[in-house]
Amino acid sequence: MARTNRNPLLKGLRGQIGKQLVFKQYGKKTVVSKFPDMSHVKASPKQKKIRKGFQKAVAYAQGINNDPVKKAVYAKKVKKGQTVFNYAISEFLRSKG
């Protein structure tokens, strides 16, 4: 893992390059690491249940985002700096808790 906080080329860089490198931000530092191999990780039953619930929340939010009428209604509810999509996901998860 490499770290840098003074390289202008990497400043603020986030994301991945193929399935090889990952760039992360921790405070003012950029960290470069290899892409994680999750092929041998087995999710627990609780993790599977939570992932399924989140999958339903994303589908719900996409439905709202794709409907202009519903999106306009939700746009009035969102706080500054928040998107309709994120608000819909949080609302779904709170209501299905």
Protein backbone atom coordinates (compact mmCIF):
# COMPACT_ATOMS: atom_id res chain seq x y z
CA MET A 1 0.00 0.00 0.00
CA ALA A 2 1.36 3.38 -0.99
CA ARG A 3 0.43 6.71 0.60
CA THR A 4 0.89 10.23 -0.60
CA ASN A 5 -0.30 13.69 0.40
CA ARG A 6 1.91 15.91 -1.79
CA ASN A 7 1.55 14.47 -5.30
CA PRO A 8 -0.52 16.89 -7.42
CA LEU A 9 -1.35 14.16 -9.96
CA LEU A 10 -3.02 11.95 -7.33
CA LYS A 11 -4.59 14.68 -5.19
CA GLY A 12 -8.28 13.89 -4.74
CA LEU A 13 -8.11 10.80 -6.94
CA ARG A 14 -10.63 8.08 -6.02
CA GLY A 15 -11.81 4.88 -7.63
CA GLN A 16 -10.20 2.00 -9.39
CA ILE A 17 -8.12 1.25 -12.45
CA GLY A 18 -9.45 -1.96 -13.93
CA LYS A 19 -9.32 -4.75 -11.38
CA GLN A 20 -5.77 -3.84 -10.42
CA LEU A 21 -5.50 -0.68 -8.29
CA VAL A 22 -7.80 1.19 -5.89
CA PHE A 23 -7.34 4.84 -4.92
CA LYS A 24 -8.85 5.95 -1.59
CA GLN A 25 -8.94 9.20 0.36
CA TYR A 26 -8.25 9.28 4.10
CA GLY A 27 -8.29 12.86 5.26
CA LYS A 28 -5.83 14.70 3.05
CA LYS A 29 -3.92 11.56 2.06
CA THR A 30 -4.38 9.42 -1.03
CA VAL A 31 -3.88 5.69 -0.49
CA VAL A 32 -3.19 3.29 -3.36
CA SER A 33 -3.79 -0.42 -2.81
CA LYS A 34 -4.41 -3.54 -4.83
CA PHE A 35 -7.96 -4.41 -5.84
CA PRO A 36 -9.57 -6.66 -3.19
CA ASP A 37 -10.22 -10.32 -4.03
CA MET A 38 -13.66 -11.07 -2.58
CA SER A 39 -14.14 -14.35 -4.46
CA HIS A 40 -13.57 -16.50 -1.37
CA VAL A 41 -15.74 -14.46 1.00
CA LYS A 42 -19.01 -16.13 1.97
CA ALA A 43 -21.80 -13.88 3.26
CA SER A 44 -23.58 -14.88 6.45
CA PRO A 45 -27.37 -15.35 6.43
CA LYS A 46 -27.76 -11.99 8.21
CA GLN A 47 -25.60 -10.26 5.57
CA LYS A 48 -27.66 -11.84 2.80
CA LYS A 49 -30.88 -10.60 4.43
CA ILE A 50 -29.53 -7.05 4.77
CA ARG A 51 -28.23 -7.03 1.17
CA LYS A 52 -31.64 -8.20 -0.07
CA GLY A 53 -33.32 -5.35 1.83
CA PHE A 54 -30.87 -2.83 0.38
CA GLN A 55 -31.50 -4.25 -3.10
CA LYS A 56 -35.24 -3.58 -2.60
CA ALA A 57 -34.46 -0.05 -1.38
CA VAL A 58 -32.40 0.68 -4.50
CA ALA A 59 -35.20 -0.61 -6.76
CA TYR A 60 -37.68 1.61 -4.89
CA ALA A 61 -35.42 4.66 -5.25
CA GLN A 62 -34.84 3.99 -8.95
CA GLY A 63 -38.61 3.85 -9.47
CA ILE A 64 -39.01 7.25 -7.84
CA ASN A 65 -36.05 8.71 -9.73
CA ASN A 66 -37.46 7.52 -13.07
CA ASP A 67 -40.96 8.97 -12.46
CA PRO A 68 -40.91 12.77 -12.95
CA VAL A 69 -44.04 13.34 -10.83
CA LYS A 70 -42.76 11.32 -7.84
CA LYS A 71 -39.30 12.81 -8.22
CA ALA A 72 -40.73 16.35 -8.02
CA VAL A 73 -42.61 15.45 -4.82
CA TYR A 74 -39.46 14.00 -3.26
CA ALA A 75 -37.34 16.95 -4.43
CA LYS A 76 -39.32 19.15 -2.02
CA LYS A 77 -38.43 16.85 0.91
CA VAL A 78 -34.67 16.54 0.43
CA LYS A 79 -32.19 18.51 2.48
CA LYS A 80 -29.42 20.61 1.00
CA GLY A 81 -26.64 18.41 -0.36
CA GLN A 82 -28.85 15.32 -0.57
CA THR A 83 -30.22 13.69 -3.72
CA VAL A 84 -33.73 12.36 -4.31
CA PHE A 85 -32.23 8.91 -4.82
CA ASN A 86 -30.42 8.92 -1.46
CA TYR A 87 -33.45 10.32 0.34
CA ALA A 88 -35.71 7.62 -1.14
CA ILE A 89 -33.29 4.87 -0.06
CA SER A 90 -33.09 6.22 3.50
CA GLU A 91 -36.86 6.59 3.69
CA PHE A 92 -37.40 3.02 2.47
CA LEU A 93 -34.90 1.60 4.94
CA ARG A 94 -36.40 3.58 7.85
CA SER A 95 -39.95 2.46 7.03
CA LYS A 96 -39.03 -1.22 6.52
CA GLY A 97 -36.56 -1.13 9.44
